[in-house]
Amino acid sequence: MRTATLTDTTLTAPALPEIRAFIVENFLLGKDSGFDNSESLLESGIIDSTGIMHVVAFLEERFGIAVDDDDMIADNLESVDRIAAFVGRKQELRNAA
């Protein structure tokens, strides 16, 4: 079984380009500032706490995953890399069930 980890997320998380594109389109008005995928979206001011809820709604609809209250932590949603890895883990769990 192939898993996405934080050390090789760019190579193993197929959701990453879509997640980044969504963030650029919805929070940066379509202008990619060149931010790093590992950069904290909250600390950099790209997204605020309300924006995270918008991202969660996108993830649930686009990738068919359920984001539980317990999932809403920085380890899962802090950066594009972490979001992509989280989506990969949730999809694997869903597919294994």
PDB file of N, CA and C in Angstrom:
ATOM      1  N   MET A   1       0.838  -1.168   0.000  1.00  0.00           N
ATOM      2  CA  MET A   1       0.000   0.000   0.000  1.00  0.00           C
ATOM      3  C   MET A   1       0.891   1.241   0.000  1.00  0.00           C
ATOM      4  N   ARG A   2       0.560   2.185  -0.845  1.00  0.00           N
ATOM      5  CA  ARG A   2       1.329   3.410  -0.973  1.00  0.00           C
ATOM      6  C   ARG A   2       0.726   4.504  -0.105  1.00  0.00           C
ATOM      7  N   THR A   3       1.538   5.175   0.685  1.00  0.00           N
ATOM      8  CA  THR A   3       1.018   6.228   1.555  1.00  0.00           C
ATOM      9  C   THR A   3       1.732   7.537   1.299  1.00  0.00           C
ATOM     10  N   ALA A   4       1.035   8.621   1.548  1.00  0.00           N
ATOM     11  CA  ALA A   4       1.636   9.943   1.435  1.00  0.00           C
ATOM     12  C   ALA A   4       2.193  10.342   2.791  1.00  0.00           C
ATOM     13  N   THR A   5       3.429  10.772   2.796  1.00  0.00           N
ATOM     14  CA  THR A   5       4.029  11.245   4.030  1.00  0.00           C
ATOM     15  C   THR A   5       4.466  12.687   3.845  1.00  0.00           C
ATOM     16  N   LEU A   6       4.734  13.366   4.938  1.00  0.00           N
ATOM     17  CA  LEU A   6       5.140  14.757   4.848  1.00  0.00           C
ATOM     18  C   LEU A   6       6.505  14.918   4.197  1.00  0.00           C
ATOM     19  N   THR A   7       7.322  13.877   4.204  1.00  0.00           N
ATOM     20  CA  THR A   7       8.646  14.009   3.618  1.00  0.00           C
ATOM     21  C   THR A   7       8.627  13.856   2.106  1.00  0.00           C
ATOM     22  N   ASP A   8       7.632  13.146   1.565  1.00  0.00           N
ATOM     23  CA  ASP A   8       7.589  12.970   0.115  1.00  0.00           C
ATOM     24  C   ASP A   8       6.210  13.273  -0.450  1.00  0.00           C
ATOM     25  N   THR A   9       5.513  14.203   0.157  1.00  0.00           N
ATOM     26  CA  THR A   9       4.154  14.525  -0.246  1.00  0.00           C
ATOM     27  C   THR A   9       4.082  14.928  -1.706  1.00  0.00           C
ATOM     28  N   THR A  10       5.018  15.725  -2.165  1.00  0.00           N
ATOM     29  CA  THR A  10       4.963  16.216  -3.528  1.00  0.00           C
ATOM     30  C   THR A  10       4.984  15.062  -4.527  1.00  0.00           C
ATOM     31  N   LEU A  11       5.658  13.986  -4.191  1.00  0.00           N
ATOM     32  CA  LEU A  11       5.760  12.855  -5.095  1.00  0.00           C
ATOM     33  C   LEU A  11       4.571  11.913  -5.003  1.00  0.00           C
ATOM     34  N   THR A  12       3.904  11.858  -3.872  1.00  0.00           N
ATOM     35  CA  THR A  12       2.905  10.816  -3.675  1.00  0.00           C
ATOM     36  C   THR A  12       1.484  11.318  -3.444  1.00  0.00           C
ATOM     37  N   ALA A  13       1.264  12.606  -3.454  1.00  0.00           N
ATOM     38  CA  ALA A  13      -0.072  13.126  -3.187  1.00  0.00           C
ATOM     39  C   ALA A  13      -0.662  13.714  -4.459  1.00  0.00           C
ATOM     40  N   PRO A  14      -1.426  12.904  -5.205  1.00  0.00           N
ATOM     41  CA  PRO A  14      -1.976  13.397  -6.469  1.00  0.00           C
ATOM     42  C   PRO A  14      -2.973  14.540  -6.296  1.00  0.00           C
ATOM     43  N   ALA A  15      -3.490  14.741  -5.114  1.00  0.00           N
ATOM     44  CA  ALA A  15      -4.453  15.809  -4.873  1.00  0.00           C
ATOM     45  C   ALA A  15      -3.784  17.175  -4.749  1.00  0.00           C
ATOM     46  N   LEU A  16      -2.479  17.207  -4.543  1.00  0.00           N
ATOM     47  CA  LEU A  16      -1.776  18.454  -4.256  1.00  0.00           C
ATOM     48  C   LEU A  16      -2.009  19.548  -5.294  1.00  0.00           C
ATOM     49  N   PRO A  17      -1.865  19.289  -6.600  1.00  0.00           N
ATOM     50  CA  PRO A  17      -2.069  20.376  -7.564  1.00  0.00           C
ATOM     51  C   PRO A  17      -3.484  20.964  -7.529  1.00  0.00           C
ATOM     52  N   GLU A  18      -4.476  20.130  -7.331  1.00  0.00           N
ATOM     53  CA  GLU A  18      -5.856  20.612  -7.255  1.00  0.00           C
ATOM     54  C   GLU A  18      -6.090  21.453  -6.003  1.00  0.00           C
ATOM     55  N   ILE A  19      -5.516  21.025  -4.905  1.00  0.00           N
ATOM     56  CA  ILE A  19      -5.664  21.770  -3.644  1.00  0.00           C
ATOM     57  C   ILE A  19      -4.985  23.132  -3.770  1.00  0.00           C
ATOM     58  N   ARG A  20      -3.781  23.134  -4.309  1.00  0.00           N
ATOM     59  CA  ARG A  20      -3.067  24.409  -4.487  1.00  0.00           C
ATOM     60  C   ARG A  20      -3.850  25.328  -5.416  1.00  0.00           C
ATOM     61  N   ALA A  21      -4.350  24.795  -6.519  1.00  0.00           N
ATOM     62  CA  ALA A  21      -5.117  25.602  -7.475  1.00  0.00           C
ATOM     63  C   ALA A  21      -6.367  26.191  -6.818  1.00  0.00           C
ATOM     64  N   PHE A  22      -7.035  25.401  -5.991  1.00  0.00           N
ATOM     65  CA  PHE A  22      -8.226  25.891  -5.283  1.00  0.00           C
ATOM     66  C   PHE A  22      -7.850  27.057  -4.364  1.00  0.00           C
ATOM     67  N   ILE A  23      -6.770  26.912  -3.630  1.00  0.00           N
ATOM     68  CA  ILE A  23      -6.342  27.963  -2.701  1.00  0.00           C
ATOM     69  C   ILE A  23      -5.956  29.226  -3.467  1.00  0.00           C
ATOM     70  N   VAL A  24      -5.209  29.066  -4.546  1.00  0.00           N
ATOM     71  CA  VAL A  24      -4.797  30.229  -5.343  1.00  0.00           C
ATOM     72  C   VAL A  24      -6.030  30.930  -5.908  1.00  0.00           C
ATOM     73  N   GLU A  25      -6.946  30.182  -6.472  1.00  0.00           N
ATOM     74  CA  GLU A  25      -8.130  30.772  -7.097  1.00  0.00           C
ATOM     75  C   GLU A  25      -9.046  31.452  -6.084  1.00  0.00           C
ATOM     76  N   ASN A  26      -9.236  30.835  -4.935  1.00  0.00           N
ATOM     77  CA  ASN A  26     -10.221  31.332  -3.981  1.00  0.00           C
ATOM     78  C   ASN A  26      -9.681  32.289  -2.927  1.00  0.00           C
ATOM     79  N   PHE A  27      -8.391  32.248  -2.659  1.00  0.00           N
ATOM     80  CA  PHE A  27      -7.841  33.083  -1.593  1.00  0.00           C
ATOM     81  C   PHE A  27      -6.778  34.076  -2.071  1.00  0.00           C
ATOM     82  N   LEU A  28      -6.219  33.833  -3.247  1.00  0.00           N
ATOM     83  CA  LEU A  28      -5.207  34.742  -3.788  1.00  0.00           C
ATOM     84  C   LEU A  28      -5.676  35.376  -5.102  1.00  0.00           C
ATOM     85  N   LEU A  29      -6.980  35.313  -5.345  1.00  0.00           N
ATOM     86  CA  LEU A  29      -7.593  35.930  -6.521  1.00  0.00           C
ATOM     87  C   LEU A  29      -6.955  35.473  -7.833  1.00  0.00           C
ATOM     88  N   GLY A  30      -6.555  34.197  -7.863  1.00  0.00           N
ATOM     89  CA  GLY A  30      -6.004  33.608  -9.072  1.00  0.00           C
ATOM     90  C   GLY A  30      -4.550  33.937  -9.335  1.00  0.00           C
ATOM     91  N   LYS A  31      -3.911  34.676  -8.443  1.00  0.00           N
ATOM     92  CA  LYS A  31      -2.508  35.061  -8.635  1.00  0.00           C
ATOM     93  C   LYS A  31      -1.620  34.272  -7.685  1.00  0.00           C
ATOM     94  N   ASP A  32      -0.940  33.277  -8.229  1.00  0.00           N
ATOM     95  CA  ASP A  32      -0.064  32.443  -7.410  1.00  0.00           C
ATOM     96  C   ASP A  32       1.149  33.261  -6.995  1.00  0.00           C
ATOM     97  N   SER A  33       1.271  33.487  -5.712  1.00  0.00           N
ATOM     98  CA  SER A  33       2.365  34.304  -5.178  1.00  0.00           C
ATOM     99  C   SER A  33       3.675  33.536  -5.082  1.00  0.00           C
ATOM    100  N   GLY A  34       3.655  32.260  -5.429  1.00  0.00           N
ATOM    101  CA  GLY A  34       4.856  31.445  -5.347  1.00  0.00           C
ATOM    102  C   GLY A  34       5.122  30.915  -3.951  1.00  0.00           C
ATOM    103  N   PHE A  35       4.090  30.913  -3.094  1.00  0.00           N
ATOM    104  CA  PHE A  35       4.283  30.398  -1.741  1.00  0.00           C
ATOM    105  C   PHE A  35       4.670  28.926  -1.783  1.00  0.00           C
ATOM    106  N   ASP A  36       5.407  28.513  -0.782  1.00  0.00           N
ATOM    107  CA  ASP A  36       5.870  27.131  -0.690  1.00  0.00           C
ATOM    108  C   ASP A  36       4.738  26.236  -0.201  1.00  0.00           C
ATOM    109  N   ASN A  37       4.650  25.031  -0.745  1.00  0.00           N
ATOM    110  CA  ASN A  37       3.590  24.102  -0.348  1.00  0.00           C
ATOM    111  C   ASN A  37       3.674  23.690   1.114  1.00  0.00           C
ATOM    112  N   SER A  38       4.836  23.880   1.731  1.00  0.00           N
ATOM    113  CA  SER A  38       4.980  23.529   3.146  1.00  0.00           C
ATOM    114  C   SER A  38       4.727  24.727   4.065  1.00  0.00           C
ATOM    115  N   GLU A  39       4.501  25.891   3.485  1.00  0.00           N
ATOM    116  CA  GLU A  39       4.282  27.116   4.253  1.00  0.00           C
ATOM    117  C   GLU A  39       2.931  27.087   4.975  1.00  0.00           C
ATOM    118  N   SER A  40       2.899  27.553   6.209  1.00  0.00           N
ATOM    119  CA  SER A  40       1.653  27.605   6.969  1.00  0.00           C
ATOM    120  C   SER A  40       0.702  28.599   6.327  1.00  0.00           C
ATOM    121  N   LEU A  41      -0.461  28.127   5.945  1.00  0.00           N
ATOM    122  CA  LEU A  41      -1.454  28.983   5.297  1.00  0.00           C
ATOM    123  C   LEU A  41      -2.022  30.013   6.264  1.00  0.00           C
ATOM    124  N   LEU A  42      -2.169  29.631   7.523  1.00  0.00           N
ATOM    125  CA  LEU A  42      -2.693  30.560   8.523  1.00  0.00           C
ATOM    126  C   LEU A  42      -1.654  31.597   8.929  1.00  0.00           C
ATOM    127  N   GLU A  43      -0.454  31.144   9.247  1.00  0.00           N
ATOM    128  CA  GLU A  43       0.590  32.060   9.698  1.00  0.00           C
ATOM    129  C   GLU A  43       1.007  33.047   8.614  1.00  0.00           C
ATOM    130  N   SER A  44       0.936  32.628   7.361  1.00  0.00           N
ATOM    131  CA  SER A  44       1.319  33.511   6.261  1.00  0.00           C
ATOM    132  C   SER A  44       0.192  34.463   5.871  1.00  0.00           C
ATOM    133  N   GLY A  45      -0.997  34.226   6.410  1.00  0.00           N
ATOM    134  CA  GLY A  45      -2.130  35.096   6.109  1.00  0.00           C
ATOM    135  C   GLY A  45      -2.849  34.765   4.814  1.00  0.00           C
ATOM    136  N   ILE A  46      -2.496  33.653   4.185  1.00  0.00           N
ATOM    137  CA  ILE A  46      -3.167  33.264   2.946  1.00  0.00           C
ATOM    138  C   ILE A  46      -4.623  32.899   3.228  1.00  0.00           C
ATOM    139  N   ILE A  47      -4.837  32.186   4.331  1.00  0.00           N
ATOM    140  CA  ILE A  47      -6.178  31.740   4.721  1.00  0.00           C
ATOM    141  C   ILE A  47      -6.384  32.088   6.188  1.00  0.00           C
ATOM    142  N   ASP A  48      -7.613  32.464   6.539  1.00  0.00           N
ATOM    143  CA  ASP A  48      -7.951  32.665   7.948  1.00  0.00           C
ATOM    144  C   ASP A  48      -8.803  31.486   8.413  1.00  0.00           C
ATOM    145  N   SER A  49      -9.243  31.510   9.650  1.00  0.00           N
ATOM    146  CA  SER A  49      -9.982  30.373  10.201  1.00  0.00           C
ATOM    147  C   SER A  49     -11.287  30.120   9.448  1.00  0.00           C
ATOM    148  N   THR A  50     -11.933  31.150   8.967  1.00  0.00           N
ATOM    149  CA  THR A  50     -13.147  30.966   8.168  1.00  0.00           C
ATOM    150  C   THR A  50     -12.800  30.321   6.830  1.00  0.00           C
ATOM    151  N   GLY A  51     -11.669  30.707   6.275  1.00  0.00           N
ATOM    152  CA  GLY A  51     -11.218  30.128   5.014  1.00  0.00           C
ATOM    153  C   GLY A  51     -10.945  28.643   5.124  1.00  0.00           C
ATOM    154  N   ILE A  52     -10.462  28.213   6.273  1.00  0.00           N
ATOM    155  CA  ILE A  52     -10.218  26.782   6.482  1.00  0.00           C
ATOM    156  C   ILE A  52     -11.520  26.000   6.309  1.00  0.00           C
ATOM    157  N   MET A  53     -12.619  26.569   6.777  1.00  0.00           N
ATOM    158  CA  MET A  53     -13.913  25.889   6.629  1.00  0.00           C
ATOM    159  C   MET A  53     -14.287  25.771   5.149  1.00  0.00           C
ATOM    160  N   HIS A  54     -13.948  26.769   4.369  1.00  0.00           N
ATOM    161  CA  HIS A  54     -14.192  26.743   2.926  1.00  0.00           C
ATOM    162  C   HIS A  54     -13.343  25.645   2.271  1.00  0.00           C
ATOM    163  N   VAL A  55     -12.093  25.534   2.705  1.00  0.00           N
ATOM    164  CA  VAL A  55     -11.203  24.484   2.198  1.00  0.00           C
ATOM    165  C   VAL A  55     -11.757  23.108   2.556  1.00  0.00           C
ATOM    166  N   VAL A  56     -12.217  22.946   3.793  1.00  0.00           N
ATOM    167  CA  VAL A  56     -12.776  21.662   4.238  1.00  0.00           C
ATOM    168  C   VAL A  56     -13.977  21.284   3.380  1.00  0.00           C
ATOM    169  N   ALA A  57     -14.857  22.236   3.098  1.00  0.00           N
ATOM    170  CA  ALA A  57     -16.028  21.956   2.251  1.00  0.00           C
ATOM    171  C   ALA A  57     -15.580  21.512   0.860  1.00  0.00           C
ATOM    172  N   PHE A  58     -14.559  22.158   0.317  1.00  0.00           N
ATOM    173  CA  PHE A  58     -14.009  21.766  -0.980  1.00  0.00           C
ATOM    174  C   PHE A  58     -13.458  20.342  -0.937  1.00  0.00           C
ATOM    175  N   LEU A  59     -12.694  20.022   0.102  1.00  0.00           N
ATOM    176  CA  LEU A  59     -12.108  18.684   0.216  1.00  0.00           C
ATOM    177  C   LEU A  59     -13.188  17.610   0.275  1.00  0.00           C
ATOM    178  N   GLU A  60     -14.211  17.866   1.063  1.00  0.00           N
ATOM    179  CA  GLU A  60     -15.280  16.882   1.200  1.00  0.00           C
ATOM    180  C   GLU A  60     -16.007  16.671  -0.122  1.00  0.00           C
ATOM    181  N   GLU A  61     -16.292  17.757  -0.822  1.00  0.00           N
ATOM    182  CA  GLU A  61     -17.025  17.640  -2.082  1.00  0.00           C
ATOM    183  C   GLU A  61     -16.163  17.070  -3.200  1.00  0.00           C
ATOM    184  N   ARG A  62     -14.967  17.589  -3.368  1.00  0.00           N
ATOM    185  CA  ARG A  62     -14.117  17.196  -4.493  1.00  0.00           C
ATOM    186  C   ARG A  62     -13.514  15.808  -4.338  1.00  0.00           C
ATOM    187  N   PHE A  63     -13.100  15.459  -3.123  1.00  0.00           N
ATOM    188  CA  PHE A  63     -12.383  14.202  -2.936  1.00  0.00           C
ATOM    189  C   PHE A  63     -13.214  13.119  -2.253  1.00  0.00           C
ATOM    190  N   GLY A  64     -14.458  13.433  -1.921  1.00  0.00           N
ATOM    191  CA  GLY A  64     -15.358  12.437  -1.353  1.00  0.00           C
ATOM    192  C   GLY A  64     -14.933  11.916   0.001  1.00  0.00           C
ATOM    193  N   ILE A  65     -14.369  12.804   0.806  1.00  0.00           N
ATOM    194  CA  ILE A  65     -13.950  12.405   2.150  1.00  0.00           C
ATOM    195  C   ILE A  65     -14.801  13.124   3.181  1.00  0.00           C
ATOM    196  N   ALA A  66     -14.835  12.590   4.379  1.00  0.00           N
ATOM    197  CA  ALA A  66     -15.508  13.245   5.492  1.00  0.00           C
ATOM    198  C   ALA A  66     -14.439  13.794   6.428  1.00  0.00           C
ATOM    199  N   VAL A  67     -14.521  15.082   6.711  1.00  0.00           N
ATOM    200  CA  VAL A  67     -13.573  15.715   7.632  1.00  0.00           C
ATOM    201  C   VAL A  67     -14.289  15.879   8.964  1.00  0.00           C
ATOM    202  N   ASP A  68     -13.894  15.070   9.932  1.00  0.00           N
ATOM    203  CA  ASP A  68     -14.506  15.103  11.252  1.00  0.00           C
ATOM    204  C   ASP A  68     -13.921  16.239  12.083  1.00  0.00           C
ATOM    205  N   ASP A  69     -14.612  16.602  13.144  1.00  0.00           N
ATOM    206  CA  ASP A  69     -14.111  17.648  14.041  1.00  0.00           C
ATOM    207  C   ASP A  69     -12.707  17.318  14.541  1.00  0.00           C
ATOM    208  N   ASP A  70     -12.462  16.042  14.839  1.00  0.00           N
ATOM    209  CA  ASP A  70     -11.147  15.613  15.334  1.00  0.00           C
ATOM    210  C   ASP A  70     -10.045  15.772  14.283  1.00  0.00           C
ATOM    211  N   ASP A  71     -10.434  15.847  13.013  1.00  0.00           N
ATOM    212  CA  ASP A  71      -9.465  15.999  11.918  1.00  0.00           C
ATOM    213  C   ASP A  71      -9.014  17.441  11.736  1.00  0.00           C
ATOM    214  N   MET A  72      -9.725  18.370  12.324  1.00  0.00           N
ATOM    215  CA  MET A  72      -9.463  19.793  12.085  1.00  0.00           C
ATOM    216  C   MET A  72      -8.360  20.315  13.005  1.00  0.00           C
ATOM    217  N   ILE A  73      -7.153  19.826  12.716  1.00  0.00           N
ATOM    218  CA  ILE A  73      -5.959  20.210  13.473  1.00  0.00           C
ATOM    219  C   ILE A  73      -4.875  20.651  12.493  1.00  0.00           C
ATOM    220  N   ALA A  74      -3.905  21.376  12.998  1.00  0.00           N
ATOM    221  CA  ALA A  74      -2.829  21.891  12.152  1.00  0.00           C
ATOM    222  C   ALA A  74      -2.073  20.777  11.431  1.00  0.00           C
ATOM    223  N   ASP A  75      -1.903  19.636  12.078  1.00  0.00           N
ATOM    224  CA  ASP A  75      -1.187  18.536  11.430  1.00  0.00           C
ATOM    225  C   ASP A  75      -1.836  18.144  10.111  1.00  0.00           C
ATOM    226  N   ASN A  76      -3.125  18.362   9.976  1.00  0.00           N
ATOM    227  CA  ASN A  76      -3.847  17.991   8.756  1.00  0.00           C
ATOM    228  C   ASN A  76      -4.081  19.153   7.803  1.00  0.00           C
ATOM    229  N   LEU A  77      -4.207  20.365   8.314  1.00  0.00           N
ATOM    230  CA  LEU A  77      -4.706  21.464   7.486  1.00  0.00           C
ATOM    231  C   LEU A  77      -3.808  22.702   7.442  1.00  0.00           C
ATOM    232  N   GLU A  78      -2.597  22.610   7.949  1.00  0.00           N
ATOM    233  CA  GLU A  78      -1.749  23.789   8.066  1.00  0.00           C
ATOM    234  C   GLU A  78      -1.173  24.283   6.740  1.00  0.00           C
ATOM    235  N   SER A  79      -0.843  23.371   5.847  1.00  0.00           N
ATOM    236  CA  SER A  79      -0.188  23.748   4.590  1.00  0.00           C
ATOM    237  C   SER A  79      -0.758  22.908   3.449  1.00  0.00           C
ATOM    238  N   VAL A  80      -0.426  23.292   2.233  1.00  0.00           N
ATOM    239  CA  VAL A  80      -0.875  22.523   1.070  1.00  0.00           C
ATOM    240  C   VAL A  80      -0.344  21.096   1.168  1.00  0.00           C
ATOM    241  N   ASP A  81       0.923  20.942   1.543  1.00  0.00           N
ATOM    242  CA  ASP A  81       1.503  19.599   1.686  1.00  0.00           C
ATOM    243  C   ASP A  81       0.723  18.765   2.700  1.00  0.00           C
ATOM    244  N   ARG A  82       0.440  19.344   3.846  1.00  0.00           N
ATOM    245  CA  ARG A  82      -0.265  18.599   4.899  1.00  0.00           C
ATOM    246  C   ARG A  82      -1.707  18.284   4.498  1.00  0.00           C
ATOM    247  N   ILE A  83      -2.354  19.210   3.809  1.00  0.00           N
ATOM    248  CA  ILE A  83      -3.723  18.957   3.348  1.00  0.00           C
ATOM    249  C   ILE A  83      -3.727  17.812   2.339  1.00  0.00           C
ATOM    250  N   ALA A  84      -2.792  17.827   1.412  1.00  0.00           N
ATOM    251  CA  ALA A  84      -2.717  16.773   0.399  1.00  0.00           C
ATOM    252  C   ALA A  84      -2.443  15.410   1.039  1.00  0.00           C
ATOM    253  N   ALA A  85      -1.541  15.376   2.014  1.00  0.00           N
ATOM    254  CA  ALA A  85      -1.250  14.116   2.707  1.00  0.00           C
ATOM    255  C   ALA A  85      -2.486  13.632   3.471  1.00  0.00           C
ATOM    256  N   PHE A  86      -3.187  14.558   4.104  1.00  0.00           N
ATOM    257  CA  PHE A  86      -4.409  14.229   4.835  1.00  0.00           C
ATOM    258  C   PHE A  86      -5.460  13.645   3.892  1.00  0.00           C
ATOM    259  N   VAL A  87      -5.661  14.273   2.745  1.00  0.00           N
ATOM    260  CA  VAL A  87      -6.631  13.764   1.765  1.00  0.00           C
ATOM    261  C   VAL A  87      -6.241  12.351   1.338  1.00  0.00           C
ATOM    262  N   GLY A  88      -4.962  12.133   1.079  1.00  0.00           N
ATOM    263  CA  GLY A  88      -4.499  10.795   0.694  1.00  0.00           C
ATOM    264  C   GLY A  88      -4.792   9.753   1.757  1.00  0.00           C
ATOM    265  N   ARG A  89      -4.550  10.108   3.021  1.00  0.00           N
ATOM    266  CA  ARG A  89      -4.823   9.160   4.116  1.00  0.00           C
ATOM    267  C   ARG A  89      -6.320   8.869   4.222  1.00  0.00           C
ATOM    268  N   LYS A  90      -7.146   9.910   4.122  1.00  0.00           N
ATOM    269  CA  LYS A  90      -8.602   9.720   4.230  1.00  0.00           C
ATOM    270  C   LYS A  90      -9.121   8.862   3.061  1.00  0.00           C
ATOM    271  N   GLN A  91      -8.601   9.086   1.872  1.00  0.00           N
ATOM    272  CA  GLN A  91      -9.027   8.284   0.732  1.00  0.00           C
ATOM    273  C   GLN A  91      -8.604   6.822   0.881  1.00  0.00           C
ATOM    274  N   GLU A  92      -7.410   6.606   1.400  1.00  0.00           N
ATOM    275  CA  GLU A  92      -6.966   5.232   1.640  1.00  0.00           C
ATOM    276  C   GLU A  92      -7.854   4.527   2.655  1.00  0.00           C
ATOM    277  N   LEU A  93      -8.213   5.228   3.721  1.00  0.00           N
ATOM    278  CA  LEU A  93      -9.102   4.650   4.724  1.00  0.00           C
ATOM    279  C   LEU A  93     -10.464   4.322   4.123  1.00  0.00           C
ATOM    280  N   ARG A  94     -10.972   5.240   3.319  1.00  0.00           N
ATOM    281  CA  ARG A  94     -12.262   5.019   2.673  1.00  0.00           C
ATOM    282  C   ARG A  94     -12.203   3.823   1.734  1.00  0.00           C
ATOM    283  N   ASN A  95     -11.142   3.721   0.960  1.00  0.00           N
ATOM    284  CA  ASN A  95     -11.013   2.637  -0.011  1.00  0.00           C
ATOM    285  C   ASN A  95     -10.756   1.285   0.652  1.00  0.00           C
ATOM    286  N   ALA A  96     -10.157   1.308   1.839  1.00  0.00           N
ATOM    287  CA  ALA A  96      -9.873   0.062   2.553  1.00  0.00           C
ATOM    288  C   ALA A  96     -11.120  -0.489   3.242  1.00  0.00           C
ATOM    289  N   ALA A  97     -12.102   0.361   3.459  1.00  0.00           N
ATOM    290  CA  ALA A  97     -13.312  -0.074   4.176  1.00  0.00           C
ATOM    291  C   ALA A  97     -14.222  -0.905   3.309  1.00  0.00           C
TER     292      ALA A  97
END
